[in-house]
Amino acid sequence: MFSRVDNGRKLLPYTLIALLLAGLYLFAATYLSFGSLGMNFF
């Protein structure tokens, strides 16, 4: 039981970091694709 609790506590930061990196990757991909098309929104 204690090992499961430790794994649960360690797993949460990794999932948050993974979601953050995925969001940054998607933002960068859309930003670069729009920039290459010549649509300067930003």
PDB file of N, CA and C in Angstrom:
ATOM      1  N   MET A   1       0.831  -1.208   0.000  1.00  0.00           N
ATOM      2  CA  MET A   1       0.000   0.000   0.000  1.00  0.00           C
ATOM      3  C   MET A   1       0.869   1.263   0.000  1.00  0.00           C
ATOM      4  N   PHE A   2       1.945   1.243   0.788  1.00  0.00           N
ATOM      5  CA  PHE A   2       2.793   2.437   0.867  1.00  0.00           C
ATOM      6  C   PHE A   2       3.494   2.702  -0.459  1.00  0.00           C
ATOM      7  N   SER A   3       3.870   1.632  -1.154  1.00  0.00           N
ATOM      8  CA  SER A   3       4.543   1.819  -2.449  1.00  0.00           C
ATOM      9  C   SER A   3       3.580   2.458  -3.448  1.00  0.00           C
ATOM     10  N   ARG A   4       2.310   2.100  -3.367  1.00  0.00           N
ATOM     11  CA  ARG A   4       1.330   2.707  -4.280  1.00  0.00           C
ATOM     12  C   ARG A   4       1.178   4.200  -3.997  1.00  0.00           C
ATOM     13  N   VAL A   5       1.171   4.567  -2.729  1.00  0.00           N
ATOM     14  CA  VAL A   5       1.039   5.981  -2.374  1.00  0.00           C
ATOM     15  C   VAL A   5       2.250   6.753  -2.874  1.00  0.00           C
ATOM     16  N   ASP A   6       3.442   6.184  -2.713  1.00  0.00           N
ATOM     17  CA  ASP A   6       4.654   6.855  -3.188  1.00  0.00           C
ATOM     18  C   ASP A   6       4.618   7.005  -4.702  1.00  0.00           C
ATOM     19  N   ASN A   7       4.192   5.966  -5.399  1.00  0.00           N
ATOM     20  CA  ASN A   7       4.111   6.053  -6.858  1.00  0.00           C
ATOM     21  C   ASN A   7       3.096   7.105  -7.280  1.00  0.00           C
ATOM     22  N   GLY A   8       1.991   7.201  -6.563  1.00  0.00           N
ATOM     23  CA  GLY A   8       0.982   8.202  -6.893  1.00  0.00           C
ATOM     24  C   GLY A   8       1.508   9.611  -6.687  1.00  0.00           C
ATOM     25  N   ARG A   9       2.282   9.801  -5.632  1.00  0.00           N
ATOM     26  CA  ARG A   9       2.829  11.139  -5.375  1.00  0.00           C
ATOM     27  C   ARG A   9       3.891  11.500  -6.407  1.00  0.00           C
ATOM     28  N   LYS A  10       4.670  10.514  -6.843  1.00  0.00           N
ATOM     29  CA  LYS A  10       5.711  10.795  -7.833  1.00  0.00           C
ATOM     30  C   LYS A  10       5.115  10.960  -9.223  1.00  0.00           C
ATOM     31  N   LEU A  11       3.985  10.320  -9.466  1.00  0.00           N
ATOM     32  CA  LEU A  11       3.417  10.314 -10.814  1.00  0.00           C
ATOM     33  C   LEU A  11       2.803  11.664 -11.174  1.00  0.00           C
ATOM     34  N   LEU A  12       2.245  12.369 -10.199  1.00  0.00           N
ATOM     35  CA  LEU A  12       1.540  13.623 -10.489  1.00  0.00           C
ATOM     36  C   LEU A  12       2.442  14.685 -11.111  1.00  0.00           C
ATOM     37  N   PRO A  13       3.612  14.982 -10.553  1.00  0.00           N
ATOM     38  CA  PRO A  13       4.470  16.002 -11.195  1.00  0.00           C
ATOM     39  C   PRO A  13       4.883  15.611 -12.605  1.00  0.00           C
ATOM     40  N   TYR A  14       5.130  14.315 -12.831  1.00  0.00           N
ATOM     41  CA  TYR A  14       5.532  13.886 -14.173  1.00  0.00           C
ATOM     42  C   TYR A  14       4.413  14.109 -15.179  1.00  0.00           C
ATOM     43  N   THR A  15       3.168  13.856 -14.783  1.00  0.00           N
ATOM     44  CA  THR A  15       2.049  14.067 -15.703  1.00  0.00           C
ATOM     45  C   THR A  15       1.867  15.556 -15.983  1.00  0.00           C
ATOM     46  N   LEU A  16       2.044  16.395 -14.959  1.00  0.00           N
ATOM     47  CA  LEU A  16       1.925  17.842 -15.163  1.00  0.00           C
ATOM     48  C   LEU A  16       3.019  18.340 -16.095  1.00  0.00           C
ATOM     49  N   ILE A  17       4.238  17.848 -15.912  1.00  0.00           N
ATOM     50  CA  ILE A  17       5.346  18.257 -16.782  1.00  0.00           C
ATOM     51  C   ILE A  17       5.088  17.779 -18.204  1.00  0.00           C
ATOM     52  N   ALA A  18       4.565  16.561 -18.353  1.00  0.00           N
ATOM     53  CA  ALA A  18       4.283  16.026 -19.686  1.00  0.00           C
ATOM     54  C   ALA A  18       3.216  16.862 -20.379  1.00  0.00           C
ATOM     55  N   LEU A  19       2.165  17.242 -19.654  1.00  0.00           N
ATOM     56  CA  LEU A  19       1.114  18.074 -20.237  1.00  0.00           C
ATOM     57  C   LEU A  19       1.654  19.446 -20.609  1.00  0.00           C
ATOM     58  N   LEU A  20       2.506  19.999 -19.769  1.00  0.00           N
ATOM     59  CA  LEU A  20       3.085  21.313 -20.047  1.00  0.00           C
ATOM     60  C   LEU A  20       3.945  21.266 -21.306  1.00  0.00           C
ATOM     61  N   LEU A  21       4.771  20.225 -21.421  1.00  0.00           N
ATOM     62  CA  LEU A  21       5.623  20.092 -22.607  1.00  0.00           C
ATOM     63  C   LEU A  21       4.777  19.873 -23.854  1.00  0.00           C
ATOM     64  N   ALA A  22       3.700  19.098 -23.733  1.00  0.00           N
ATOM     65  CA  ALA A  22       2.827  18.858 -24.883  1.00  0.00           C
ATOM     66  C   ALA A  22       2.163  20.159 -25.317  1.00  0.00           C
ATOM     67  N   GLY A  23       1.716  20.965 -24.356  1.00  0.00           N
ATOM     68  CA  GLY A  23       1.098  22.247 -24.683  1.00  0.00           C
ATOM     69  C   GLY A  23       2.078  23.187 -25.354  1.00  0.00           C
ATOM     70  N   LEU A  24       3.308  23.240 -24.841  1.00  0.00           N
ATOM     71  CA  LEU A  24       4.330  24.091 -25.455  1.00  0.00           C
ATOM     72  C   LEU A  24       4.640  23.614 -26.863  1.00  0.00           C
ATOM     73  N   TYR A  25       4.695  22.295 -27.055  1.00  0.00           N
ATOM     74  CA  TYR A  25       4.993  21.744 -28.380  1.00  0.00           C
ATOM     75  C   TYR A  25       3.889  22.095 -29.372  1.00  0.00           C
ATOM     76  N   LEU A  26       2.634  21.946 -28.949  1.00  0.00           N
ATOM     77  CA  LEU A  26       1.515  22.273 -29.837  1.00  0.00           C
ATOM     78  C   LEU A  26       1.502  23.762 -30.160  1.00  0.00           C
ATOM     79  N   PHE A  27       1.770  24.600 -29.159  1.00  0.00           N
ATOM     80  CA  PHE A  27       1.801  26.046 -29.383  1.00  0.00           C
ATOM     81  C   PHE A  27       2.912  26.415 -30.354  1.00  0.00           C
ATOM     82  N   ALA A  28       4.085  25.819 -30.179  1.00  0.00           N
ATOM     83  CA  ALA A  28       5.213  26.107 -31.071  1.00  0.00           C
ATOM     84  C   ALA A  28       4.908  25.626 -32.488  1.00  0.00           C
ATOM     85  N   ALA A  29       4.286  24.460 -32.614  1.00  0.00           N
ATOM     86  CA  ALA A  29       3.975  23.919 -33.942  1.00  0.00           C
ATOM     87  C   ALA A  29       2.981  24.818 -34.668  1.00  0.00           C
ATOM     88  N   THR A  30       1.927  25.250 -33.987  1.00  0.00           N
ATOM     89  CA  THR A  30       0.936  26.118 -34.624  1.00  0.00           C
ATOM     90  C   THR A  30       1.541  27.484 -34.931  1.00  0.00           C
ATOM     91  N   TYR A  31       2.368  27.992 -34.019  1.00  0.00           N
ATOM     92  CA  TYR A  31       3.012  29.299 -34.217  1.00  0.00           C
ATOM     93  C   TYR A  31       3.918  29.261 -35.444  1.00  0.00           C
ATOM     94  N   LEU A  32       4.722  28.203 -35.568  1.00  0.00           N
ATOM     95  CA  LEU A  32       5.630  28.090 -36.711  1.00  0.00           C
ATOM     96  C   LEU A  32       4.857  27.866 -38.005  1.00  0.00           C
ATOM     97  N   SER A  33       3.790  27.072 -37.956  1.00  0.00           N
ATOM     98  CA  SER A  33       3.025  26.805 -39.177  1.00  0.00           C
ATOM     99  C   SER A  33       2.338  28.081 -39.664  1.00  0.00           C
ATOM    100  N   PHE A  34       1.747  28.862 -38.748  1.00  0.00           N
ATOM    101  CA  PHE A  34       1.113  30.120 -39.152  1.00  0.00           C
ATOM    102  C   PHE A  34       2.155  31.119 -39.631  1.00  0.00           C
ATOM    103  N   GLY A  35       3.324  31.127 -38.994  1.00  0.00           N
ATOM    104  CA  GLY A  35       4.387  32.037 -39.405  1.00  0.00           C
ATOM    105  C   GLY A  35       4.886  31.701 -40.796  1.00  0.00           C
ATOM    106  N   SER A  36       4.979  30.406 -41.119  1.00  0.00           N
ATOM    107  CA  SER A  36       5.463  30.015 -42.442  1.00  0.00           C
ATOM    108  C   SER A  36       4.430  30.357 -43.510  1.00  0.00           C
ATOM    109  N   LEU A  37       3.145  30.381 -43.131  1.00  0.00           N
ATOM    110  CA  LEU A  37       2.101  30.724 -44.093  1.00  0.00           C
ATOM    111  C   LEU A  37       2.021  32.229 -44.318  1.00  0.00           C
ATOM    112  N   GLY A  38       2.648  33.008 -43.451  1.00  0.00           N
ATOM    113  CA  GLY A  38       2.653  34.452 -43.622  1.00  0.00           C
ATOM    114  C   GLY A  38       1.556  35.146 -42.842  1.00  0.00           C
ATOM    115  N   MET A  39       0.834  34.408 -41.983  1.00  0.00           N
ATOM    116  CA  MET A  39      -0.203  35.031 -41.157  1.00  0.00           C
ATOM    117  C   MET A  39       0.424  35.453 -39.834  1.00  0.00           C
ATOM    118  N   ASN A  40       0.728  36.717 -39.699  1.00  0.00           N
ATOM    119  CA  ASN A  40       1.398  37.197 -38.493  1.00  0.00           C
ATOM    120  C   ASN A  40       0.361  37.647 -37.470  1.00  0.00           C
ATOM    121  N   PHE A  41      -0.133  36.685 -36.671  1.00  0.00           N
ATOM    122  CA  PHE A  41      -1.112  37.027 -35.645  1.00  0.00           C
ATOM    123  C   PHE A  41      -0.451  37.673 -34.442  1.00  0.00           C
ATOM    124  N   PHE A  42       0.818  37.284 -34.163  1.00  0.00           N
ATOM    125  CA  PHE A  42       1.479  37.762 -32.949  1.00  0.00           C
ATOM    126  C   PHE A  42       2.488  38.836 -33.300  1.00  0.00           C
TER     127      PHE A  42
END
